[in-house]
PDB file of all heavy atoms in Angstrom:
ATOM      1  N   TYR A   1      77.232  85.439  49.018  1.00  0.00           N
ATOM      2  CA  TYR A   1      77.881  85.040  50.268  1.00  0.00           C
ATOM      3  C   TYR A   1      76.840  84.762  51.349  1.00  0.00           C
ATOM      4  O   TYR A   1      76.862  83.707  51.997  1.00  0.00           O
ATOM      5  CB  TYR A   1      78.850  86.123  50.744  1.00  0.00           C
ATOM      6  CG  TYR A   1      79.353  85.862  52.146  1.00  0.00           C
ATOM      7  CD1 TYR A   1      80.365  84.926  52.373  1.00  0.00           C
ATOM      8  CD2 TYR A   1      78.782  86.513  53.237  1.00  0.00           C
ATOM      9  CE1 TYR A   1      80.810  84.663  53.658  1.00  0.00           C
ATOM     10  CE2 TYR A   1      79.224  86.250  54.529  1.00  0.00           C
ATOM     11  CZ  TYR A   1      80.221  85.325  54.738  1.00  0.00           C
ATOM     12  OH  TYR A   1      80.648  85.053  56.013  1.00  0.00           O
ATOM     13  N   TYR A   2      75.919  85.719  51.555  1.00  0.00           N
ATOM     14  CA  TYR A   2      74.921  85.543  52.610  1.00  0.00           C
ATOM     15  C   TYR A   2      73.997  84.362  52.318  1.00  0.00           C
ATOM     16  O   TYR A   2      73.658  83.585  53.216  1.00  0.00           O
ATOM     17  CB  TYR A   2      74.093  86.822  52.777  1.00  0.00           C
ATOM     18  CG  TYR A   2      74.819  87.944  53.485  1.00  0.00           C
ATOM     19  CD1 TYR A   2      74.929  89.209  52.895  1.00  0.00           C
ATOM     20  CD2 TYR A   2      75.368  87.760  54.747  1.00  0.00           C
ATOM     21  CE1 TYR A   2      75.594  90.242  53.537  1.00  0.00           C
ATOM     22  CE2 TYR A   2      76.026  88.790  55.402  1.00  0.00           C
ATOM     23  CZ  TYR A   2      76.138  90.033  54.790  1.00  0.00           C
ATOM     24  OH  TYR A   2      76.790  91.053  55.432  1.00  0.00           O
ATOM     25  N   TYR A   3      73.598  84.232  51.060  1.00  0.00           N
ATOM     26  CA  TYR A   3      72.676  83.150  50.731  1.00  0.00           C
ATOM     27  C   TYR A   3      73.330  81.780  50.905  1.00  0.00           C
ATOM     28  O   TYR A   3      72.762  80.871  51.532  1.00  0.00           O
ATOM     29  CB  TYR A   3      72.150  83.297  49.307  1.00  0.00           C
ATOM     30  CG  TYR A   3      71.159  82.218  48.966  1.00  0.00           C
ATOM     31  CD1 TYR A   3      69.819  82.340  49.358  1.00  0.00           C
ATOM     32  CD2 TYR A   3      71.554  81.069  48.302  1.00  0.00           C
ATOM     33  CE1 TYR A   3      68.904  81.334  49.078  1.00  0.00           C
ATOM     34  CE2 TYR A   3      70.641  80.057  48.022  1.00  0.00           C
ATOM     35  CZ  TYR A   3      69.319  80.200  48.410  1.00  0.00           C
ATOM     36  OH  TYR A   3      68.427  79.192  48.146  1.00  0.00           O
ATOM     37  N   LEU A   4      74.537  81.616  50.363  1.00  0.00           N
ATOM     38  CA  LEU A   4      75.209  80.326  50.467  1.00  0.00           C
ATOM     39  C   LEU A   4      75.589  80.008  51.910  1.00  0.00           C
ATOM     40  O   LEU A   4      75.564  78.844  52.327  1.00  0.00           O
ATOM     41  CB  LEU A   4      76.439  80.298  49.560  1.00  0.00           C
ATOM     42  CG  LEU A   4      76.113  80.355  48.061  1.00  0.00           C
ATOM     43  CD1 LEU A   4      77.394  80.472  47.242  1.00  0.00           C
ATOM     44  CD2 LEU A   4      75.325  79.126  47.630  1.00  0.00           C
ATOM     45  N   GLU A   5      75.908  81.049  52.678  1.00  0.00           N
ATOM     46  CA  GLU A   5      76.178  80.824  54.096  1.00  0.00           C
ATOM     47  C   GLU A   5      74.896  80.431  54.832  1.00  0.00           C
ATOM     48  O   GLU A   5      74.926  79.599  55.749  1.00  0.00           O
ATOM     49  CB  GLU A   5      76.797  82.067  54.730  1.00  0.00           C
ATOM     50  CG  GLU A   5      77.201  81.897  56.195  1.00  0.00           C
ATOM     51  CD  GLU A   5      78.228  80.780  56.419  1.00  0.00           C
ATOM     52  OE1 GLU A   5      78.979  80.454  55.485  1.00  0.00           O
ATOM     53  OE2 GLU A   5      78.259  80.241  57.542  1.00  0.00           O
ATOM     54  N   ALA A   6      73.767  81.016  54.434  1.00  0.00           N
ATOM     55  CA  ALA A   6      72.484  80.612  55.016  1.00  0.00           C
ATOM     56  C   ALA A   6      72.202  79.138  54.732  1.00  0.00           C
ATOM     57  O   ALA A   6      71.747  78.396  55.612  1.00  0.00           O
ATOM     58  CB  ALA A   6      71.350  81.485  54.462  1.00  0.00           C
ATOM     59  N   VAL A   7      72.480  78.715  53.498  1.00  0.00           N
ATOM     60  CA  VAL A   7      72.302  77.300  53.140  1.00  0.00           C
ATOM     61  C   VAL A   7      73.229  76.429  53.984  1.00  0.00           C
ATOM     62  O   VAL A   7      72.826  75.382  54.508  1.00  0.00           O
ATOM     63  CB  VAL A   7      72.571  77.084  51.638  1.00  0.00           C
ATOM     64  CG1 VAL A   7      72.592  75.596  51.295  1.00  0.00           C
ATOM     65  CG2 VAL A   7      71.518  77.794  50.809  1.00  0.00           C
ATOM     66  N   ASN A   8      74.481  76.880  54.139  1.00  0.00           N
ATOM     67  CA  ASN A   8      75.449  76.137  54.946  1.00  0.00           C
ATOM     68  C   ASN A   8      74.980  76.016  56.398  1.00  0.00           C
ATOM     69  O   ASN A   8      75.058  74.934  57.009  1.00  0.00           O
ATOM     70  CB  ASN A   8      76.807  76.827  54.881  1.00  0.00           C
ATOM     71  CG  ASN A   8      77.861  76.112  55.707  1.00  0.00           C
ATOM     72  OD1 ASN A   8      78.078  74.912  55.562  1.00  0.00           O
ATOM     73  ND2 ASN A   8      78.528  76.855  56.578  1.00  0.00           N
ATOM     74  N   GLN A   9      74.483  77.125  56.959  1.00  0.00           N
ATOM     75  CA  GLN A   9      73.996  77.101  58.345  1.00  0.00           C
ATOM     76  C   GLN A   9      72.777  76.205  58.474  1.00  0.00           C
ATOM     77  O   GLN A   9      72.612  75.484  59.469  1.00  0.00           O
ATOM     78  CB  GLN A   9      73.668  78.526  58.805  1.00  0.00           C
ATOM     79  CG  GLN A   9      74.864  79.435  58.952  1.00  0.00           C
ATOM     80  CD  GLN A   9      75.849  78.948  60.004  1.00  0.00           C
ATOM     81  OE1 GLN A   9      75.452  78.425  61.052  1.00  0.00           O
ATOM     82  NE2 GLN A   9      77.141  79.105  59.722  1.00  0.00           N
ATOM     83  N   ARG A  10      71.905  76.233  57.474  1.00  0.00           N
ATOM     84  CA  ARG A  10      70.727  75.358  57.496  1.00  0.00           C
ATOM     85  C   ARG A  10      71.140  73.891  57.483  1.00  0.00           C
ATOM     86  O   ARG A  10      70.601  73.065  58.214  1.00  0.00           O
ATOM     87  CB  ARG A  10      69.815  75.683  56.326  1.00  0.00           C
ATOM     88  CG  ARG A  10      68.548  74.818  56.254  1.00  0.00           C
ATOM     89  CD  ARG A  10      68.612  73.863  55.097  1.00  0.00           C
ATOM     90  NE  ARG A  10      68.628  74.587  53.834  1.00  0.00           N
ATOM     91  CZ  ARG A  10      68.967  74.011  52.698  1.00  0.00           C
ATOM     92  NH1 ARG A  10      69.353  72.747  52.677  1.00  0.00           N
ATOM     93  NH2 ARG A  10      68.968  74.708  51.571  1.00  0.00           N
ATOM     94  N   GLN A  11      72.142  73.571  56.669  1.00  0.00           N
ATOM     95  CA  GLN A  11      72.595  72.182  56.587  1.00  0.00           C
ATOM     96  C   GLN A  11      73.244  71.730  57.885  1.00  0.00           C
ATOM     97  O   GLN A  11      73.235  70.540  58.205  1.00  0.00           O
ATOM     98  CB  GLN A  11      73.563  72.025  55.412  1.00  0.00           C
ATOM     99  CG  GLN A  11      72.866  72.152  54.063  1.00  0.00           C
ATOM    100  CD  GLN A  11      73.830  72.086  52.894  1.00  0.00           C
ATOM    101  OE1 GLN A  11      75.019  72.370  53.043  1.00  0.00           O
ATOM    102  NE2 GLN A  11      73.324  71.710  51.733  1.00  0.00           N
ATOM    103  N   GLN A  12      73.807  72.690  58.644  1.00  0.00           N
ATOM    104  CA  GLN A  12      74.365  72.381  59.954  1.00  0.00           C
ATOM    105  C   GLN A  12      73.320  72.475  61.073  1.00  0.00           C
ATOM    106  O   GLN A  12      73.651  72.345  62.239  1.00  0.00           O
ATOM    107  CB  GLN A  12      75.530  73.327  60.258  1.00  0.00           C
ATOM    108  CG  GLN A  12      76.709  73.182  59.305  1.00  0.00           C
ATOM    109  CD  GLN A  12      77.850  74.108  59.675  1.00  0.00           C
ATOM    110  OE1 GLN A  12      78.304  74.161  60.817  1.00  0.00           O
ATOM    111  NE2 GLN A  12      78.330  74.872  58.695  1.00  0.00           N
ATOM    112  N   GLU A  13      72.067  72.715  60.677  1.00  0.00           N
ATOM    113  CA  GLU A  13      70.934  72.819  61.598  1.00  0.00           C
ATOM    114  C   GLU A  13      71.031  74.039  62.507  1.00  0.00           C
ATOM    115  O   GLU A  13      70.447  74.073  63.589  1.00  0.00           O
ATOM    116  CB  GLU A  13      70.773  71.541  62.423  1.00  0.00           C
ATOM    117  CG  GLU A  13      70.527  70.302  61.573  1.00  0.00           C
ATOM    118  CD  GLU A  13      70.261  69.057  62.395  1.00  0.00           C
ATOM    119  OE1 GLU A  13      70.393  69.105  63.642  1.00  0.00           O
ATOM    120  OE2 GLU A  13      69.924  68.019  61.797  1.00  0.00           O
ATOM    121  N   ASN A  14      71.771  75.063  62.063  1.00  0.00           N
ATOM    122  CA  ASN A  14      71.795  76.342  62.769  1.00  0.00           C
ATOM    123  C   ASN A  14      70.728  77.239  62.137  1.00  0.00           C
ATOM    124  O   ASN A  14      71.030  78.178  61.391  1.00  0.00           O
ATOM    125  CB  ASN A  14      73.181  76.980  62.672  1.00  0.00           C
ATOM    126  CG  ASN A  14      74.251  76.145  63.328  1.00  0.00           C
ATOM    127  OD1 ASN A  14      74.009  75.522  64.373  1.00  0.00           O
ATOM    128  ND2 ASN A  14      75.434  76.114  62.746  1.00  0.00           N
ATOM    129  N   TYR A  15      69.477  76.944  62.421  1.00  0.00           N
ATOM    130  CA  TYR A  15      68.383  77.527  61.668  1.00  0.00           C
ATOM    131  C   TYR A  15      68.161  79.005  61.964  1.00  0.00           C
ATOM    132  O   TYR A  15      67.787  79.765  61.074  1.00  0.00           O
ATOM    133  CB  TYR A  15      67.106  76.724  61.931  1.00  0.00           C
ATOM    134  CG  TYR A  15      67.268  75.271  61.579  1.00  0.00           C
ATOM    135  CD1 TYR A  15      66.976  74.278  62.510  1.00  0.00           C
ATOM    136  CD2 TYR A  15      67.729  74.885  60.318  1.00  0.00           C
ATOM    137  CE1 TYR A  15      67.135  72.942  62.187  1.00  0.00           C
ATOM    138  CE2 TYR A  15      67.888  73.562  59.993  1.00  0.00           C
ATOM    139  CZ  TYR A  15      67.592  72.579  60.924  1.00  0.00           C
ATOM    140  OH  TYR A  15      67.747  71.266  60.604  1.00  0.00           O
ATOM    141  N   ASP A  16      68.412  79.417  63.193  1.00  0.00           N
ATOM    142  CA  ASP A  16      68.245  80.838  63.504  1.00  0.00           C
ATOM    143  C   ASP A  16      69.287  81.679  62.770  1.00  0.00           C
ATOM    144  O   ASP A  16      68.993  82.770  62.287  1.00  0.00           O
ATOM    145  CB  ASP A  16      68.349  81.075  65.007  1.00  0.00           C
ATOM    146  CG  ASP A  16      67.167  80.483  65.762  1.00  0.00           C
ATOM    147  OD1 ASP A  16      66.085  80.373  65.161  1.00  0.00           O
ATOM    148  OD2 ASP A  16      67.336  80.110  66.945  1.00  0.00           O
ATOM    149  N   ALA A  17      70.507  81.155  62.685  1.00  0.00           N
ATOM    150  CA  ALA A  17      71.551  81.865  61.940  1.00  0.00           C
ATOM    151  C   ALA A  17      71.175  81.946  60.464  1.00  0.00           C
ATOM    152  O   ALA A  17      71.361  82.991  59.823  1.00  0.00           O
ATOM    153  CB  ALA A  17      72.889  81.150  62.118  1.00  0.00           C
ATOM    154  N   ALA A  18      70.637  80.845  59.930  1.00  0.00           N
ATOM    155  CA  ALA A  18      70.203  80.853  58.522  1.00  0.00           C
ATOM    156  C   ALA A  18      69.123  81.898  58.305  1.00  0.00           C
ATOM    157  O   ALA A  18      69.136  82.625  57.306  1.00  0.00           O
ATOM    158  CB  ALA A  18      69.691  79.466  58.131  1.00  0.00           C
ATOM    159  N   PHE A  19      68.193  81.997  59.247  1.00  0.00           N
ATOM    160  CA  PHE A  19      67.103  82.973  59.154  1.00  0.00           C
ATOM    161  C   PHE A  19      67.662  84.397  59.093  1.00  0.00           C
ATOM    162  O   PHE A  19      67.248  85.206  58.256  1.00  0.00           O
ATOM    163  CB  PHE A  19      66.167  82.811  60.347  1.00  0.00           C
ATOM    164  CG  PHE A  19      64.991  83.747  60.340  1.00  0.00           C
ATOM    165  CD1 PHE A  19      63.801  83.388  59.724  1.00  0.00           C
ATOM    166  CD2 PHE A  19      65.066  84.987  60.954  1.00  0.00           C
ATOM    167  CE1 PHE A  19      62.714  84.240  59.718  1.00  0.00           C
ATOM    168  CE2 PHE A  19      63.984  85.855  60.951  1.00  0.00           C
ATOM    169  CZ  PHE A  19      62.806  85.480  60.330  1.00  0.00           C
ATOM    170  N   GLU A  20      68.596  84.707  59.960  1.00  0.00           N
ATOM    171  CA  GLU A  20      69.170  86.056  59.990  1.00  0.00           C
ATOM    172  C   GLU A  20      69.928  86.361  58.706  1.00  0.00           C
ATOM    173  O   GLU A  20      69.873  87.477  58.173  1.00  0.00           O
ATOM    174  CB  GLU A  20      70.093  86.198  61.204  1.00  0.00           C
ATOM    175  CG  GLU A  20      69.385  86.123  62.542  1.00  0.00           C
ATOM    176  CD  GLU A  20      68.322  87.199  62.705  1.00  0.00           C
ATOM    177  OE1 GLU A  20      68.524  88.327  62.188  1.00  0.00           O
ATOM    178  OE2 GLU A  20      67.289  86.921  63.334  1.00  0.00           O
ATOM    179  N   LEU A  21      70.651  85.384  58.184  1.00  0.00           N
ATOM    180  CA  LEU A  21      71.391  85.592  56.942  1.00  0.00           C
ATOM    181  C   LEU A  21      70.459  85.862  55.770  1.00  0.00           C
ATOM    182  O   LEU A  21      70.763  86.674  54.888  1.00  0.00           O
ATOM    183  CB  LEU A  21      72.264  84.373  56.657  1.00  0.00           C
ATOM    184  CG  LEU A  21      73.485  84.221  57.575  1.00  0.00           C
ATOM    185  CD1 LEU A  21      74.015  82.798  57.527  1.00  0.00           C
ATOM    186  CD2 LEU A  21      74.581  85.218  57.172  1.00  0.00           C
ATOM    187  N   LEU A  22      69.315  85.210  55.769  1.00  0.00           N
ATOM    188  CA  LEU A  22      68.339  85.458  54.701  1.00  0.00           C
ATOM    189  C   LEU A  22      67.766  86.867  54.784  1.00  0.00           C
ATOM    190  O   LEU A  22      67.408  87.463  53.762  1.00  0.00           O
ATOM    191  CB  LEU A  22      67.216  84.418  54.759  1.00  0.00           C
ATOM    192  CG  LEU A  22      67.647  83.004  54.363  1.00  0.00           C
ATOM    193  CD1 LEU A  22      66.552  81.994  54.700  1.00  0.00           C
ATOM    194  CD2 LEU A  22      67.988  82.929  52.874  1.00  0.00           C
ATOM    195  N   GLN A  23      67.691  87.419  55.991  1.00  0.00           N
ATOM    196  CA  GLN A  23      67.270  88.814  56.128  1.00  0.00           C
ATOM    197  C   GLN A  23      68.284  89.751  55.468  1.00  0.00           C
ATOM    198  O   GLN A  23      67.907  90.746  54.850  1.00  0.00           O
ATOM    199  CB  GLN A  23      67.099  89.170  57.615  1.00  0.00           C
ATOM    200  CG  GLN A  23      66.070  88.327  58.353  1.00  0.00           C
ATOM    201  CD  GLN A  23      64.690  88.398  57.733  1.00  0.00           C
ATOM    202  OE1 GLN A  23      64.199  89.463  57.375  1.00  0.00           O
ATOM    203  NE2 GLN A  23      64.064  87.240  57.598  1.00  0.00           N
ATOM    204  N   HIS A  24      69.567  89.411  55.582  1.00  0.00           N
ATOM    205  CA  HIS A  24      70.602  90.196  54.900  1.00  0.00           C
ATOM    206  C   HIS A  24      70.423  90.105  53.387  1.00  0.00           C
ATOM    207  O   HIS A  24      70.609  91.104  52.668  1.00  0.00           O
ATOM    208  CB  HIS A  24      71.988  89.699  55.294  1.00  0.00           C
ATOM    209  CG  HIS A  24      72.405  90.048  56.686  1.00  0.00           C
ATOM    210  ND1 HIS A  24      72.571  91.354  57.117  1.00  0.00           N
ATOM    211  CD2 HIS A  24      72.693  89.274  57.758  1.00  0.00           C
ATOM    212  CE1 HIS A  24      72.945  91.379  58.378  1.00  0.00           C
ATOM    213  NE2 HIS A  24      73.027  90.124  58.798  1.00  0.00           N
ATOM    214  N   CYS A  25      70.064  88.918  52.911  1.00  0.00           N
ATOM    215  CA  CYS A  25      69.835  88.742  51.478  1.00  0.00           C
ATOM    216  C   CYS A  25      68.746  89.689  50.984  1.00  0.00           C
ATOM    217  O   CYS A  25      68.889  90.342  49.948  1.00  0.00           O
ATOM    218  CB  CYS A  25      69.432  87.299  51.173  1.00  0.00           C
ATOM    219  SG  CYS A  25      70.753  86.093  51.371  1.00  0.00           S
ATOM    220  N   LEU A  26      67.644  89.755  51.724  1.00  0.00           N
ATOM    221  CA  LEU A  26      66.528  90.606  51.310  1.00  0.00           C
ATOM    222  C   LEU A  26      66.860  92.084  51.458  1.00  0.00           C
ATOM    223  O   LEU A  26      66.301  92.917  50.753  1.00  0.00           O
ATOM    224  CB  LEU A  26      65.275  90.251  52.103  1.00  0.00           C
ATOM    225  CG  LEU A  26      64.636  88.903  51.743  1.00  0.00           C
ATOM    226  CD1 LEU A  26      63.447  88.606  52.647  1.00  0.00           C
ATOM    227  CD2 LEU A  26      64.196  88.886  50.275  1.00  0.00           C
ATOM    228  N   ALA A  27      67.762  92.410  52.380  1.00  0.00           N
ATOM    229  CA  ALA A  27      68.196  93.807  52.499  1.00  0.00           C
ATOM    230  C   ALA A  27      68.972  94.223  51.250  1.00  0.00           C
ATOM    231  O   ALA A  27      68.883  95.369  50.804  1.00  0.00           O
ATOM    232  CB  ALA A  27      69.056  93.981  53.752  1.00  0.00           C
ATOM    233  N   ILE A  28      69.730  93.292  50.695  1.00  0.00           N
ATOM    234  CA  ILE A  28      70.491  93.569  49.479  1.00  0.00           C
ATOM    235  C   ILE A  28      69.580  93.578  48.255  1.00  0.00           C
ATOM    236  O   ILE A  28      69.665  94.443  47.391  1.00  0.00           O
ATOM    237  CB  ILE A  28      71.608  92.527  49.296  1.00  0.00           C
ATOM    238  CG1 ILE A  28      72.613  92.626  50.443  1.00  0.00           C
ATOM    239  CG2 ILE A  28      72.310  92.710  47.946  1.00  0.00           C
ATOM    240  CD1 ILE A  28      73.575  91.444  50.512  1.00  0.00           C
ATOM    241  N   CYS A  29      68.706  92.596  48.183  1.00  0.00           N
ATOM    242  CA  CYS A  29      67.779  92.482  47.047  1.00  0.00           C
ATOM    243  C   CYS A  29      66.394  92.134  47.582  1.00  0.00           C
ATOM    244  O   CYS A  29      66.098  90.958  47.829  1.00  0.00           O
ATOM    245  CB  CYS A  29      68.256  91.420  46.062  1.00  0.00           C
ATOM    246  SG  CYS A  29      67.175  91.263  44.616  1.00  0.00           S
ATOM    247  N   PRO A  30      65.534  93.123  47.776  1.00  0.00           N
ATOM    248  CA  PRO A  30      64.201  92.881  48.353  1.00  0.00           C
ATOM    249  C   PRO A  30      63.288  92.034  47.472  1.00  0.00           C
ATOM    250  O   PRO A  30      62.188  91.674  47.914  1.00  0.00           O
ATOM    251  CB  PRO A  30      63.630  94.298  48.525  1.00  0.00           C
ATOM    252  CG  PRO A  30      64.803  95.199  48.515  1.00  0.00           C
ATOM    253  CD  PRO A  30      65.793  94.563  47.584  1.00  0.00           C
ATOM    254  N   THR A  31      63.716  91.727  46.259  1.00  0.00           N
ATOM    255  CA  THR A  31      62.885  90.926  45.359  1.00  0.00           C
ATOM    256  C   THR A  31      63.544  89.585  45.022  1.00  0.00           C
ATOM    257  O   THR A  31      63.230  88.989  43.996  1.00  0.00           O
ATOM    258  CB  THR A  31      62.596  91.695  44.061  1.00  0.00           C
ATOM    259  OG1 THR A  31      63.842  92.023  43.428  1.00  0.00           O
ATOM    260  CG2 THR A  31      61.807  92.966  44.339  1.00  0.00           C
ATOM    261  N   ALA A  32      64.449  89.103  45.871  1.00  0.00           N
ATOM    262  CA  ALA A  32      65.158  87.855  45.605  1.00  0.00           C
ATOM    263  C   ALA A  32      64.247  86.653  45.872  1.00  0.00           C
ATOM    264  O   ALA A  32      63.918  86.369  47.022  1.00  0.00           O
ATOM    265  CB  ALA A  32      66.404  87.762  46.479  1.00  0.00           C
ATOM    266  N   PRO A  33      63.837  85.918  44.843  1.00  0.00           N
ATOM    267  CA  PRO A  33      62.895  84.816  45.048  1.00  0.00           C
ATOM    268  C   PRO A  33      63.458  83.672  45.873  1.00  0.00           C
ATOM    269  O   PRO A  33      62.729  83.029  46.628  1.00  0.00           O
ATOM    270  CB  PRO A  33      62.564  84.362  43.620  1.00  0.00           C
ATOM    271  CG  PRO A  33      63.705  84.829  42.782  1.00  0.00           C
ATOM    272  CD  PRO A  33      64.182  86.089  43.417  1.00  0.00           C
ATOM    273  N   THR A  34      64.776  83.408  45.745  1.00  0.00           N
ATOM    274  CA  THR A  34      65.350  82.308  46.509  1.00  0.00           C
ATOM    275  C   THR A  34      65.267  82.560  48.009  1.00  0.00           C
ATOM    276  O   THR A  34      65.005  81.644  48.792  1.00  0.00           O
ATOM    277  CB  THR A  34      66.814  82.097  46.103  1.00  0.00           C
ATOM    278  OG1 THR A  34      67.459  83.371  46.011  1.00  0.00           O
ATOM    279  CG2 THR A  34      66.907  81.390  44.771  1.00  0.00           C
ATOM    280  N   ALA A  35      65.491  83.794  48.421  1.00  0.00           N
ATOM    281  CA  ALA A  35      65.389  84.126  49.843  1.00  0.00           C
ATOM    282  C   ALA A  35      63.950  83.986  50.327  1.00  0.00           C
ATOM    283  O   ALA A  35      63.697  83.468  51.429  1.00  0.00           O
ATOM    284  CB  ALA A  35      65.901  85.543  50.084  1.00  0.00           C
ATOM    285  N   PHE A  36      62.999  84.435  49.521  1.00  0.00           N
ATOM    286  CA  PHE A  36      61.595  84.280  49.902  1.00  0.00           C
ATOM    287  C   PHE A  36      61.217  82.804  50.013  1.00  0.00           C
ATOM    288  O   PHE A  36      60.470  82.404  50.913  1.00  0.00           O
ATOM    289  CB  PHE A  36      60.680  84.970  48.884  1.00  0.00           C
ATOM    290  CG  PHE A  36      60.606  86.459  49.054  1.00  0.00           C
ATOM    291  CD1 PHE A  36      61.043  87.314  48.053  1.00  0.00           C
ATOM    292  CD2 PHE A  36      60.088  87.020  50.220  1.00  0.00           C
ATOM    293  CE1 PHE A  36      60.970  88.698  48.210  1.00  0.00           C
ATOM    294  CE2 PHE A  36      60.007  88.392  50.386  1.00  0.00           C
ATOM    295  CZ  PHE A  36      60.456  89.238  49.379  1.00  0.00           C
ATOM    296  N   TYR A  37      61.736  81.991  49.090  1.00  0.00           N
ATOM    297  CA  TYR A  37      61.424  80.559  49.155  1.00  0.00           C
ATOM    298  C   TYR A  37      61.950  79.933  50.443  1.00  0.00           C
ATOM    299  O   TYR A  37      61.231  79.206  51.148  1.00  0.00           O
ATOM    300  CB  TYR A  37      62.006  79.803  47.957  1.00  0.00           C
ATOM    301  CG  TYR A  37      61.939  78.322  48.177  1.00  0.00           C
ATOM    302  CD1 TYR A  37      60.737  77.641  48.020  1.00  0.00           C
ATOM    303  CD2 TYR A  37      63.046  77.621  48.635  1.00  0.00           C
ATOM    304  CE1 TYR A  37      60.653  76.295  48.294  1.00  0.00           C
ATOM    305  CE2 TYR A  37      62.962  76.274  48.908  1.00  0.00           C
ATOM    306  CZ  TYR A  37      61.768  75.615  48.741  1.00  0.00           C
ATOM    307  OH  TYR A  37      61.678  74.275  49.032  1.00  0.00           O
TER     308      TYR A  37
END
């Protein structure tokens, strides 16, 4: 949910929101390569 919403926010050019959502991704899985990318 957080990752796909981050992608959605990025596509809408809401980049700060995407950044925060990716932080949630890493909180859930600190080794998630897609979030690091």
